[in-house]
PDB file of N, CA and C in Angstrom:
ATOM      1  N   MET A   1      29.225   1.263   3.281  1.00  0.00           N
ATOM      2  CA  MET A   1      28.959   1.268   1.846  1.00  0.00           C
ATOM      3  C   MET A   1      27.715   0.422   1.592  1.00  0.00           C
ATOM      4  N   GLN A   2      26.873   0.917   0.721  1.00  0.00           N
ATOM      5  CA  GLN A   2      25.625   0.243   0.410  1.00  0.00           C
ATOM      6  C   GLN A   2      25.319   0.422  -1.080  1.00  0.00           C
ATOM      7  N   ARG A   3      24.556  -0.503  -1.641  1.00  0.00           N
ATOM      8  CA  ARG A   3      24.086  -0.371  -3.020  1.00  0.00           C
ATOM      9  C   ARG A   3      22.589  -0.618  -3.008  1.00  0.00           C
ATOM     10  N   ARG A   4      21.853   0.229  -3.710  1.00  0.00           N
ATOM     11  CA  ARG A   4      20.410   0.058  -3.811  1.00  0.00           C
ATOM     12  C   ARG A   4      19.993  -0.018  -5.268  1.00  0.00           C
ATOM     13  N   GLU A   5      19.022  -0.860  -5.511  1.00  0.00           N
ATOM     14  CA  GLU A   5      18.397  -0.933  -6.825  1.00  0.00           C
ATOM     15  C   GLU A   5      17.001  -0.339  -6.699  1.00  0.00           C
ATOM     16  N   ILE A   6      16.677   0.584  -7.599  1.00  0.00           N
ATOM     17  CA  ILE A   6      15.377   1.234  -7.584  1.00  0.00           C
ATOM     18  C   ILE A   6      14.726   1.038  -8.945  1.00  0.00           C
ATOM     19  N   ARG A   7      13.463   0.685  -8.937  1.00  0.00           N
ATOM     20  CA  ARG A   7      12.691   0.568 -10.174  1.00  0.00           C
ATOM     21  C   ARG A   7      11.605   1.626 -10.133  1.00  0.00           C
ATOM     22  N   TYR A   8      11.672   2.562 -11.085  1.00  0.00           N
ATOM     23  CA  TYR A   8      10.708   3.647 -11.180  1.00  0.00           C
ATOM     24  C   TYR A   8       9.675   3.313 -12.250  1.00  0.00           C
ATOM     25  N   THR A   9       8.409   3.529 -11.926  1.00  0.00           N
ATOM     26  CA  THR A   9       7.353   3.362 -12.905  1.00  0.00           C
ATOM     27  C   THR A   9       6.551   4.658 -12.997  1.00  0.00           C
ATOM     28  N   GLY A  10       5.836   4.784 -14.071  1.00  0.00           N
ATOM     29  CA  GLY A  10       5.070   5.990 -14.355  1.00  0.00           C
ATOM     30  C   GLY A  10       5.402   6.425 -15.772  1.00  0.00           C
ATOM     31  N   ARG A  11       5.413   7.720 -16.006  1.00  0.00           N
ATOM     32  CA  ARG A  11       5.836   8.243 -17.308  1.00  0.00           C
ATOM     33  C   ARG A  11       7.313   8.623 -17.184  1.00  0.00           C
ATOM     34  N   VAL A  12       8.153   7.614 -17.086  1.00  0.00           N
ATOM     35  CA  VAL A  12       9.568   7.840 -16.772  1.00  0.00           C
ATOM     36  C   VAL A  12      10.501   7.661 -17.965  1.00  0.00           C
ATOM     37  N   GLN A  13       9.961   7.286 -19.116  1.00  0.00           N
ATOM     38  CA  GLN A  13      10.781   7.198 -20.322  1.00  0.00           C
ATOM     39  C   GLN A  13      10.360   8.308 -21.284  1.00  0.00           C
ATOM     40  N   GLY A  14      11.341   8.866 -21.982  1.00  0.00           N
ATOM     41  CA  GLY A  14      11.066   9.920 -22.944  1.00  0.00           C
ATOM     42  C   GLY A  14      10.876  11.293 -22.331  1.00  0.00           C
ATOM     43  N   VAL A  15      11.280  11.451 -21.068  1.00  0.00           N
ATOM     44  CA  VAL A  15      11.103  12.732 -20.370  1.00  0.00           C
ATOM     45  C   VAL A  15      12.428  13.249 -19.789  1.00  0.00           C
ATOM     46  N   GLY A  16      13.547  12.651 -20.204  1.00  0.00           N
ATOM     47  CA  GLY A  16      14.848  13.072 -19.693  1.00  0.00           C
ATOM     48  C   GLY A  16      15.186  12.504 -18.332  1.00  0.00           C
ATOM     49  N   PHE A  17      14.519  11.434 -17.948  1.00  0.00           N
ATOM     50  CA  PHE A  17      14.728  10.856 -16.614  1.00  0.00           C
ATOM     51  C   PHE A  17      16.163  10.398 -16.407  1.00  0.00           C
ATOM     52  N   ARG A  18      16.711   9.657 -17.377  1.00  0.00           N
ATOM     53  CA  ARG A  18      18.073   9.126 -17.210  1.00  0.00           C
ATOM     54  C   ARG A  18      19.102  10.243 -17.135  1.00  0.00           C
ATOM     55  N   ALA A  19      18.981  11.245 -17.998  1.00  0.00           N
ATOM     56  CA  ALA A  19      19.927  12.362 -17.980  1.00  0.00           C
ATOM     57  C   ALA A  19      19.816  13.136 -16.670  1.00  0.00           C
ATOM     58  N   THR A  20      18.601  13.299 -16.184  1.00  0.00           N
ATOM     59  CA  THR A  20      18.402  13.992 -14.910  1.00  0.00           C
ATOM     60  C   THR A  20      18.976  13.173 -13.770  1.00  0.00           C
ATOM     61  N   ALA A  21      18.746  11.856 -13.791  1.00  0.00           N
ATOM     62  CA  ALA A  21      19.286  10.988 -12.739  1.00  0.00           C
ATOM     63  C   ALA A  21      20.809  11.062 -12.711  1.00  0.00           C
ATOM     64  N   ARG A  22      21.438  11.056 -13.886  1.00  0.00           N
ATOM     65  CA  ARG A  22      22.895  11.149 -13.945  1.00  0.00           C
ATOM     66  C   ARG A  22      23.372  12.503 -13.414  1.00  0.00           C
ATOM     67  N   ALA A  23      22.709  13.571 -13.812  1.00  0.00           N
ATOM     68  CA  ALA A  23      23.105  14.913 -13.350  1.00  0.00           C
ATOM     69  C   ALA A  23      22.964  15.034 -11.837  1.00  0.00           C
ATOM     70  N   VAL A  24      21.883  14.523 -11.296  1.00  0.00           N
ATOM     71  CA  VAL A  24      21.678  14.570  -9.841  1.00  0.00           C
ATOM     72  C   VAL A  24      22.723  13.706  -9.142  1.00  0.00           C
ATOM     73  N   ALA A  25      22.927  12.492  -9.617  1.00  0.00           N
ATOM     74  CA  ALA A  25      23.877  11.576  -8.971  1.00  0.00           C
ATOM     75  C   ALA A  25      25.288  12.146  -8.948  1.00  0.00           C
ATOM     76  N   ARG A  26      25.649  12.854  -9.979  1.00  0.00           N
ATOM     77  CA  ARG A  26      27.011  13.405 -10.039  1.00  0.00           C
ATOM     78  C   ARG A  26      27.243  14.531  -9.034  1.00  0.00           C
ATOM     79  N   ARG A  27      26.188  15.027  -8.417  1.00  0.00           N
ATOM     80  CA  ARG A  27      26.334  16.038  -7.364  1.00  0.00           C
ATOM     81  C   ARG A  27      26.599  15.398  -6.003  1.00  0.00           C
ATOM     82  N   TYR A  28      26.524  14.086  -5.940  1.00  0.00           N
ATOM     83  CA  TYR A  28      26.699  13.356  -4.688  1.00  0.00           C
ATOM     84  C   TYR A  28      27.853  12.360  -4.827  1.00  0.00           C
ATOM     85  N   ASP A  29      28.315  11.873  -3.709  1.00  0.00           N
ATOM     86  CA  ASP A  29      29.410  10.905  -3.702  1.00  0.00           C
ATOM     87  C   ASP A  29      28.828   9.499  -3.852  1.00  0.00           C
ATOM     88  N   VAL A  30      28.269   9.241  -5.058  1.00  0.00           N
ATOM     89  CA  VAL A  30      27.674   7.947  -5.358  1.00  0.00           C
ATOM     90  C   VAL A  30      28.144   7.477  -6.727  1.00  0.00           C
ATOM     91  N   THR A  31      28.028   6.184  -6.960  1.00  0.00           N
ATOM     92  CA  THR A  31      28.324   5.586  -8.254  1.00  0.00           C
ATOM     93  C   THR A  31      27.131   4.729  -8.647  1.00  0.00           C
ATOM     94  N   GLY A  32      27.177   4.201  -9.867  1.00  0.00           N
ATOM     95  CA  GLY A  32      26.118   3.306 -10.296  1.00  0.00           C
ATOM     96  C   GLY A  32      25.699   3.569 -11.730  1.00  0.00           C
ATOM     97  N   TRP A  33      24.431   3.279 -12.013  1.00  0.00           N
ATOM     98  CA  TRP A  33      23.944   3.431 -13.377  1.00  0.00           C
ATOM     99  C   TRP A  33      22.421   3.568 -13.396  1.00  0.00           C
ATOM    100  N   VAL A  34      21.914   4.007 -14.553  1.00  0.00           N
ATOM    101  CA  VAL A  34      20.474   4.117 -14.785  1.00  0.00           C
ATOM    102  C   VAL A  34      20.209   3.668 -16.215  1.00  0.00           C
ATOM    103  N   ARG A  35      19.073   2.966 -16.433  1.00  0.00           N
ATOM    104  CA  ARG A  35      18.739   2.538 -17.793  1.00  0.00           C
ATOM    105  C   ARG A  35      17.231   2.357 -17.944  1.00  0.00           C
ATOM    106  N   ASN A  36      16.759   2.500 -19.170  1.00  0.00           N
ATOM    107  CA  ASN A  36      15.375   2.210 -19.511  1.00  0.00           C
ATOM    108  C   ASN A  36      15.192   0.703 -19.599  1.00  0.00           C
ATOM    109  N   GLU A  37      14.043   0.237 -19.176  1.00  0.00           N
ATOM    110  CA  GLU A  37      13.702  -1.177 -19.264  1.00  0.00           C
ATOM    111  C   GLU A  37      12.632  -1.375 -20.348  1.00  0.00           C
ATOM    112  N   PRO A  38      12.586  -2.560 -20.946  1.00  0.00           N
ATOM    113  CA  PRO A  38      11.621  -2.814 -22.013  1.00  0.00           C
ATOM    114  C   PRO A  38      10.158  -2.626 -21.598  1.00  0.00           C
ATOM    115  N   ASP A  39       9.859  -2.788 -20.306  1.00  0.00           N
ATOM    116  CA  ASP A  39       8.467  -2.662 -19.848  1.00  0.00           C
ATOM    117  C   ASP A  39       8.034  -1.217 -19.610  1.00  0.00           C
ATOM    118  N   GLY A  40       8.906  -0.238 -19.917  1.00  0.00           N
ATOM    119  CA  GLY A  40       8.563   1.175 -19.737  1.00  0.00           C
ATOM    120  C   GLY A  40       9.035   1.764 -18.423  1.00  0.00           C
ATOM    121  N   SER A  41       9.599   0.947 -17.567  1.00  0.00           N
ATOM    122  CA  SER A  41      10.124   1.450 -16.294  1.00  0.00           C
ATOM    123  C   SER A  41      11.570   1.900 -16.479  1.00  0.00           C
ATOM    124  N   VAL A  42      12.131   2.468 -15.421  1.00  0.00           N
ATOM    125  CA  VAL A  42      13.547   2.832 -15.390  1.00  0.00           C
ATOM    126  C   VAL A  42      14.154   2.145 -14.176  1.00  0.00           C
ATOM    127  N   ARG A  43      15.292   1.501 -14.382  1.00  0.00           N
ATOM    128  CA  ARG A  43      16.013   0.830 -13.298  1.00  0.00           C
ATOM    129  C   ARG A  43      17.276   1.618 -12.994  1.00  0.00           C
ATOM    130  N   MET A  44      17.586   1.732 -11.712  1.00  0.00           N
ATOM    131  CA  MET A  44      18.744   2.511 -11.279  1.00  0.00           C
ATOM    132  C   MET A  44      19.445   1.767 -10.161  1.00  0.00           C
ATOM    133  N   HIS A  45      20.770   1.737 -10.208  1.00  0.00           N
ATOM    134  CA  HIS A  45      21.597   1.224  -9.118  1.00  0.00           C
ATOM    135  C   HIS A  45      22.407   2.395  -8.593  1.00  0.00           C
ATOM    136  N   VAL A  46      22.391   2.590  -7.291  1.00  0.00           N
ATOM    137  CA  VAL A  46      23.144   3.676  -6.659  1.00  0.00           C
ATOM    138  C   VAL A  46      23.952   3.087  -5.519  1.00  0.00           C
ATOM    139  N   GLN A  47      25.248   3.417  -5.487  1.00  0.00           N
ATOM    140  CA  GLN A  47      26.148   2.890  -4.465  1.00  0.00           C
ATOM    141  C   GLN A  47      26.870   4.030  -3.777  1.00  0.00           C
ATOM    142  N   GLY A  48      26.980   3.929  -2.453  1.00  0.00           N
ATOM    143  CA  GLY A  48      27.687   4.927  -1.658  1.00  0.00           C
ATOM    144  C   GLY A  48      27.290   4.769  -0.201  1.00  0.00           C
ATOM    145  N   GLU A  49      27.580   5.780   0.576  1.00  0.00           N
ATOM    146  CA  GLU A  49      27.165   5.766   1.974  1.00  0.00           C
ATOM    147  C   GLU A  49      25.652   5.984   2.025  1.00  0.00           C
ATOM    148  N   PRO A  50      24.960   5.325   2.951  1.00  0.00           N
ATOM    149  CA  PRO A  50      23.496   5.418   2.996  1.00  0.00           C
ATOM    150  C   PRO A  50      22.940   6.846   3.007  1.00  0.00           C
ATOM    151  N   ALA A  51      23.540   7.737   3.762  1.00  0.00           N
ATOM    152  CA  ALA A  51      23.040   9.117   3.815  1.00  0.00           C
ATOM    153  C   ALA A  51      23.190   9.822   2.464  1.00  0.00           C
ATOM    154  N   GLU A  52      24.278   9.553   1.764  1.00  0.00           N
ATOM    155  CA  GLU A  52      24.508  10.147   0.440  1.00  0.00           C
ATOM    156  C   GLU A  52      23.489   9.600  -0.554  1.00  0.00           C
ATOM    157  N   ILE A  53      23.234   8.301  -0.503  1.00  0.00           N
ATOM    158  CA  ILE A  53      22.226   7.696  -1.371  1.00  0.00           C
ATOM    159  C   ILE A  53      20.864   8.322  -1.095  1.00  0.00           C
ATOM    160  N   ASP A  54      20.519   8.462   0.171  1.00  0.00           N
ATOM    161  CA  ASP A  54      19.229   9.063   0.540  1.00  0.00           C
ATOM    162  C   ASP A  54      19.084  10.474  -0.014  1.00  0.00           C
ATOM    163  N   ARG A  55      20.132  11.271   0.109  1.00  0.00           N
ATOM    164  CA  ARG A  55      20.071  12.649  -0.406  1.00  0.00           C
ATOM    165  C   ARG A  55      19.918  12.659  -1.927  1.00  0.00           C
ATOM    166  N   CYS A  56      20.673  11.812  -2.597  1.00  0.00           N
ATOM    167  CA  CYS A  56      20.611  11.719  -4.052  1.00  0.00           C
ATOM    168  C   CYS A  56      19.215  11.303  -4.514  1.00  0.00           C
ATOM    169  N   LEU A  57      18.695  10.231  -3.945  1.00  0.00           N
ATOM    170  CA  LEU A  57      17.384   9.738  -4.344  1.00  0.00           C
ATOM    171  C   LEU A  57      16.276  10.714  -3.969  1.00  0.00           C
ATOM    172  N   GLY A  58      16.445  11.407  -2.848  1.00  0.00           N
ATOM    173  CA  GLY A  58      15.465  12.414  -2.440  1.00  0.00           C
ATOM    174  C   GLY A  58      15.388  13.555  -3.435  1.00  0.00           C
ATOM    175  N   GLU A  59      16.554  14.029  -3.881  1.00  0.00           N
ATOM    176  CA  GLU A  59      16.562  15.107  -4.868  1.00  0.00           C
ATOM    177  C   GLU A  59      15.960  14.642  -6.188  1.00  0.00           C
ATOM    178  N   LEU A  60      16.318  13.439  -6.626  1.00  0.00           N
ATOM    179  CA  LEU A  60      15.768  12.924  -7.876  1.00  0.00           C
ATOM    180  C   LEU A  60      14.245  12.796  -7.781  1.00  0.00           C
ATOM    181  N   ALA A  61      13.747  12.285  -6.671  1.00  0.00           N
ATOM    182  CA  ALA A  61      12.300  12.144  -6.482  1.00  0.00           C
ATOM    183  C   ALA A  61      11.610  13.503  -6.519  1.00  0.00           C
ATOM    184  N   GLU A  62      12.241  14.505  -5.938  1.00  0.00           N
ATOM    185  CA  GLU A  62      11.658  15.851  -5.933  1.00  0.00           C
ATOM    186  C   GLU A  62      11.629  16.440  -7.342  1.00  0.00           C
ATOM    187  N   VAL A  63      12.737  16.342  -8.056  1.00  0.00           N
ATOM    188  CA  VAL A  63      12.852  16.926  -9.391  1.00  0.00           C
ATOM    189  C   VAL A  63      11.933  16.223 -10.393  1.00  0.00           C
ATOM    190  N   MET A  64      11.801  14.902 -10.284  1.00  0.00           N
ATOM    191  CA  MET A  64      11.046  14.123 -11.271  1.00  0.00           C
ATOM    192  C   MET A  64       9.686  13.648 -10.745  1.00  0.00           C
ATOM    193  N   SER A  65       9.200  14.242  -9.671  1.00  0.00           N
ATOM    194  CA  SER A  65       7.983  13.755  -9.014  1.00  0.00           C
ATOM    195  C   SER A  65       6.773  13.697  -9.933  1.00  0.00           C
ATOM    196  N   ARG A  66       6.659  14.601 -10.878  1.00  0.00           N
ATOM    197  CA  ARG A  66       5.462  14.596 -11.737  1.00  0.00           C
ATOM    198  C   ARG A  66       5.449  13.416 -12.707  1.00  0.00           C
ATOM    199  N   TYR A  67       6.583  12.741 -12.874  1.00  0.00           N
ATOM    200  CA  TYR A  67       6.670  11.601 -13.788  1.00  0.00           C
ATOM    201  C   TYR A  67       6.652  10.251 -13.081  1.00  0.00           C
ATOM    202  N   ILE A  68       6.962  10.226 -11.797  1.00  0.00           N
ATOM    203  CA  ILE A  68       7.082   8.972 -11.045  1.00  0.00           C
ATOM    204  C   ILE A  68       5.750   8.629 -10.382  1.00  0.00           C
ATOM    205  N   ASP A  69       5.223   7.448 -10.712  1.00  0.00           N
ATOM    206  CA  ASP A  69       4.041   6.939 -10.012  1.00  0.00           C
ATOM    207  C   ASP A  69       4.454   6.097  -8.814  1.00  0.00           C
ATOM    208  N   HIS A  70       5.538   5.338  -8.982  1.00  0.00           N
ATOM    209  CA  HIS A  70       5.965   4.440  -7.909  1.00  0.00           C
ATOM    210  C   HIS A  70       7.475   4.191  -8.025  1.00  0.00           C
ATOM    211  N   ALA A  71       8.120   4.037  -6.879  1.00  0.00           N
ATOM    212  CA  ALA A  71       9.537   3.676  -6.833  1.00  0.00           C
ATOM    213  C   ALA A  71       9.697   2.540  -5.837  1.00  0.00           C
ATOM    214  N   ALA A  72      10.180   1.404  -6.323  1.00  0.00           N
ATOM    215  CA  ALA A  72      10.418   0.236  -5.460  1.00  0.00           C
ATOM    216  C   ALA A  72      11.923   0.079  -5.294  1.00  0.00           C
ATOM    217  N   SER A  73      12.380   0.025  -4.049  1.00  0.00           N
ATOM    218  CA  SER A  73      13.811  -0.004  -3.757  1.00  0.00           C
ATOM    219  C   SER A  73      14.160  -1.203  -2.889  1.00  0.00           C
ATOM    220  N   HIS A  74      15.306  -1.790  -3.159  1.00  0.00           N
ATOM    221  CA  HIS A  74      15.831  -2.827  -2.280  1.00  0.00           C
ATOM    222  C   HIS A  74      17.360  -2.814  -2.351  1.00  0.00           C
ATOM    223  N   GLU A  75      17.984  -3.404  -1.335  1.00  0.00           N
ATOM    224  CA  GLU A  75      19.444  -3.457  -1.311  1.00  0.00           C
ATOM    225  C   GLU A  75      19.949  -4.447  -2.340  1.00  0.00           C
ATOM    226  N   ALA A  76      21.098  -4.138  -2.907  1.00  0.00           N
ATOM    227  CA  ALA A  76      21.769  -5.008  -3.875  1.00  0.00           C
ATOM    228  C   ALA A  76      23.204  -5.212  -3.402  1.00  0.00           C
ATOM    229  N   ALA A  77      23.887  -6.138  -4.031  1.00  0.00           N
ATOM    230  CA  ALA A  77      25.273  -6.427  -3.668  1.00  0.00           C
ATOM    231  C   ALA A  77      26.178  -5.266  -4.082  1.00  0.00           C
ATOM    232  N   VAL A  78      27.068  -4.875  -3.193  1.00  0.00           N
ATOM    233  CA  VAL A  78      28.042  -3.821  -3.483  1.00  0.00           C
ATOM    234  C   VAL A  78      28.964  -4.295  -4.603  1.00  0.00           C
ATOM    235  N   VAL A  79      29.243  -3.391  -5.536  1.00  0.00           N
ATOM    236  CA  VAL A  79      30.125  -3.692  -6.665  1.00  0.00           C
ATOM    237  C   VAL A  79      31.470  -3.032  -6.415  1.00  0.00           C
ATOM    238  N   GLU A  80      32.498  -3.832  -6.222  1.00  0.00           N
ATOM    239  CA  GLU A  80      33.847  -3.303  -5.998  1.00  0.00           C
ATOM    240  C   GLU A  80      34.355  -2.651  -7.279  1.00  0.00           C
ATOM    241  N   GLY A  81      35.028  -1.532  -7.140  1.00  0.00           N
ATOM    242  CA  GLY A  81      35.628  -0.861  -8.284  1.00  0.00           C
ATOM    243  C   GLY A  81      34.688   0.031  -9.057  1.00  0.00           C
ATOM    244  N   ASP A  82      33.448   0.171  -8.616  1.00  0.00           N
ATOM    245  CA  ASP A  82      32.513   1.090  -9.271  1.00  0.00           C
ATOM    246  C   ASP A  82      33.076   2.497  -9.115  1.00  0.00           C
ATOM    247  N   ALA A  83      33.209   3.239 -10.229  1.00  0.00           N
ATOM    248  CA  ALA A  83      33.897   4.532 -10.137  1.00  0.00           C
ATOM    249  C   ALA A  83      33.054   5.728 -10.569  1.00  0.00           C
ATOM    250  N   VAL A  84      32.010   5.526 -11.367  1.00  0.00           N
ATOM    251  CA  VAL A  84      31.226   6.644 -11.894  1.00  0.00           C
ATOM    252  C   VAL A  84      29.741   6.294 -11.840  1.00  0.00           C
ATOM    253  N   PHE A  85      28.924   7.290 -12.151  1.00  0.00           N
ATOM    254  CA  PHE A  85      27.491   7.053 -12.362  1.00  0.00           C
ATOM    255  C   PHE A  85      27.244   7.288 -13.839  1.00  0.00           C
ATOM    256  N   GLU A  86      26.638   6.291 -14.509  1.00  0.00           N
ATOM    257  CA  GLU A  86      26.490   6.370 -15.953  1.00  0.00           C
ATOM    258  C   GLU A  86      25.092   5.981 -16.416  1.00  0.00           C
ATOM    259  N   ILE A  87      24.796   6.363 -17.641  1.00  0.00           N
ATOM    260  CA  ILE A  87      23.590   5.911 -18.314  1.00  0.00           C
ATOM    261  C   ILE A  87      23.956   4.661 -19.079  1.00  0.00           C
ATOM    262  N   ARG A  88      23.176   3.610 -18.894  1.00  0.00           N
ATOM    263  CA  ARG A  88      23.381   2.375 -19.650  1.00  0.00           C
ATOM    264  C   ARG A  88      22.270   2.234 -20.683  1.00  0.00           C
ATOM    265  N   HIS A  89      22.606   1.585 -21.780  1.00  0.00           N
ATOM    266  CA  HIS A  89      21.625   1.381 -22.858  1.00  0.00           C
ATOM    267  C   HIS A  89      21.375  -0.083 -23.053  1.00  0.00           C
TER     268      HIS A  89
END
């Protein structure tokens, strides 16, 4: 089990990024959340098996590639009891 935090920059707000991230994540065995940040970036936490996370993030990067300039990822602490992937406000 692993958890990753990803910060996306580019034109990632106002383009359906969060809804797309949630739709993509729900196709995989992952949990976590996505939210807009005040600086115009989008932050996402994804938890699951590493291969599942990779597939999820790969699909999201492919679908939203025209909006993403950069994605910075690092490991985060696993959250026990995480059950869904949601949009946070």
